[in-house]
Amino acid sequence: MAFKIKPPYEVSNQPVYYANLEEGVLGKTNNNASIVLDSELPVDMIKKVCDHEDIHVDQIKRGDLSYDDNYVYWKGKKYSRAQMEEGAKNLPWEAEAYKNS
């Protein structure tokens, strides 16, 4: 038996991939706006992590966020990756993502 989905419904063409990520990392957003989730991520956390990473996608698309191997660039300011705790809630791009996801 089939079921029907009644509009409105969300459709996302956002590419999401799975990989073994570093210890403690649940997901990350690439500069090309694709999302990578940890392959061990529990099913009940997928939406929450995707919602958080979607904020980073929006930040990248509007030109506020980008990064390379050494720095994160946020609204024209350069942050050394060697001197930060990646994913810390007090980083401005993370603060926005935690607040809105």
Protein backbone atom coordinates (compact mmCIF):
# COMPACT_ATOMS: atom_id res chain seq x y z
CA MET A 1 0.00 0.00 0.00
CA ALA A 2 1.34 3.44 -0.94
CA PHE A 3 1.15 6.57 1.14
CA LYS A 4 0.70 10.17 0.09
CA ILE A 5 2.69 13.16 1.25
CA LYS A 6 0.64 16.30 1.43
CA PRO A 7 2.31 19.56 0.44
CA PRO A 8 3.89 21.76 1.52
CA TYR A 9 7.03 19.73 2.08
CA GLU A 10 10.68 20.56 2.02
CA VAL A 11 12.92 19.31 -0.75
CA SER A 12 16.65 19.75 -0.43
CA ASN A 13 19.21 19.23 -3.14
CA GLN A 14 22.00 19.74 -0.64
CA PRO A 15 24.67 17.06 -1.15
CA VAL A 16 25.27 15.08 2.04
CA TYR A 17 28.02 12.49 2.29
CA TYR A 18 29.17 10.11 5.01
CA ALA A 19 32.78 9.52 6.07
CA ASN A 20 34.82 8.63 9.12
CA LEU A 21 35.44 12.03 10.71
CA GLU A 22 37.86 13.03 13.44
CA GLU A 23 37.09 12.10 17.03
CA GLY A 24 34.23 14.22 18.36
CA VAL A 25 33.25 15.67 14.96
CA LEU A 26 29.67 14.85 14.00
CA GLY A 27 29.54 16.81 10.76
CA LYS A 28 31.30 19.44 8.70
CA THR A 29 30.55 21.73 5.79
CA ASN A 30 32.96 21.95 2.88
CA ASN A 31 33.77 25.17 1.01
CA ASN A 32 31.72 23.85 -1.93
CA ALA A 33 28.70 23.82 0.44
CA SER A 34 28.46 20.04 0.62
CA ILE A 35 27.95 18.44 4.02
CA VAL A 36 29.84 15.47 5.42
CA LEU A 37 28.36 13.53 8.34
CA ASP A 38 30.24 11.07 10.47
CA SER A 39 29.48 7.55 9.29
CA GLU A 40 28.88 6.51 12.92
CA LEU A 41 26.33 9.30 13.53
CA PRO A 42 23.22 7.88 15.22
CA VAL A 43 20.10 8.08 13.05
CA ASP A 44 18.25 10.20 15.61
CA MET A 45 20.95 12.91 15.35
CA ILE A 46 21.11 13.24 11.56
CA LYS A 47 18.49 16.00 11.28
CA LYS A 48 19.96 18.02 14.15
CA VAL A 49 23.49 17.88 12.72
CA CYS A 50 22.25 18.64 9.18
CA ASP A 51 20.28 21.65 10.48
CA HIS A 52 23.46 22.97 12.12
CA GLU A 53 25.59 22.39 9.03
CA ASP A 54 22.89 24.01 6.83
CA ILE A 55 23.57 27.26 8.70
CA HIS A 56 27.23 27.00 7.65
CA VAL A 57 26.10 26.35 4.07
CA ASP A 58 24.10 29.59 4.20
CA GLN A 59 27.11 31.42 5.67
CA ILE A 60 29.31 30.20 2.82
CA LYS A 61 26.72 31.06 0.15
CA ARG A 62 26.30 34.62 1.42
CA GLY A 63 30.10 35.06 1.49
CA ASP A 64 30.54 35.38 5.26
CA LEU A 65 32.44 32.11 5.82
CA SER A 66 35.24 30.27 4.07
CA TYR A 67 38.35 28.42 5.14
CA ASP A 68 41.56 26.79 4.03
CA ASP A 69 44.00 24.48 5.81
CA ASN A 70 45.38 27.26 8.01
CA TYR A 71 42.63 29.85 8.50
CA VAL A 72 38.92 30.41 8.80
CA TYR A 73 37.67 33.64 7.20
CA TRP A 74 34.58 35.16 8.79
CA LYS A 75 33.16 38.44 7.49
CA GLY A 76 36.57 39.62 6.34
CA LYS A 77 38.42 38.63 9.50
CA LYS A 78 41.06 35.87 9.52
CA TYR A 79 41.16 33.29 12.34
CA SER A 80 44.10 30.92 12.79
CA ARG A 81 42.91 27.32 12.90
CA ALA A 82 46.01 26.39 14.91
CA GLN A 83 44.93 28.76 17.68
CA MET A 84 41.27 27.81 17.95
CA GLU A 85 39.19 24.95 19.17
CA GLU A 86 37.28 23.95 16.03
CA GLY A 87 33.54 23.88 16.62
CA ALA A 88 33.71 25.95 19.82
CA LYS A 89 30.37 27.61 20.53
CA ASN A 90 31.98 31.03 21.09
CA LEU A 91 33.35 31.31 17.54
CA PRO A 92 31.09 33.76 15.67
CA TRP A 93 30.14 31.39 12.82
CA GLU A 94 29.45 28.61 15.34
CA ALA A 95 27.48 30.92 17.65
CA GLU A 96 25.15 31.73 14.76
CA ALA A 97 24.82 28.06 13.80
CA TYR A 98 24.08 26.93 17.37
CA LYS A 99 21.59 29.77 17.88
CA ASN A 100 19.66 29.06 14.66
CA SER A 101 19.70 25.27 14.53
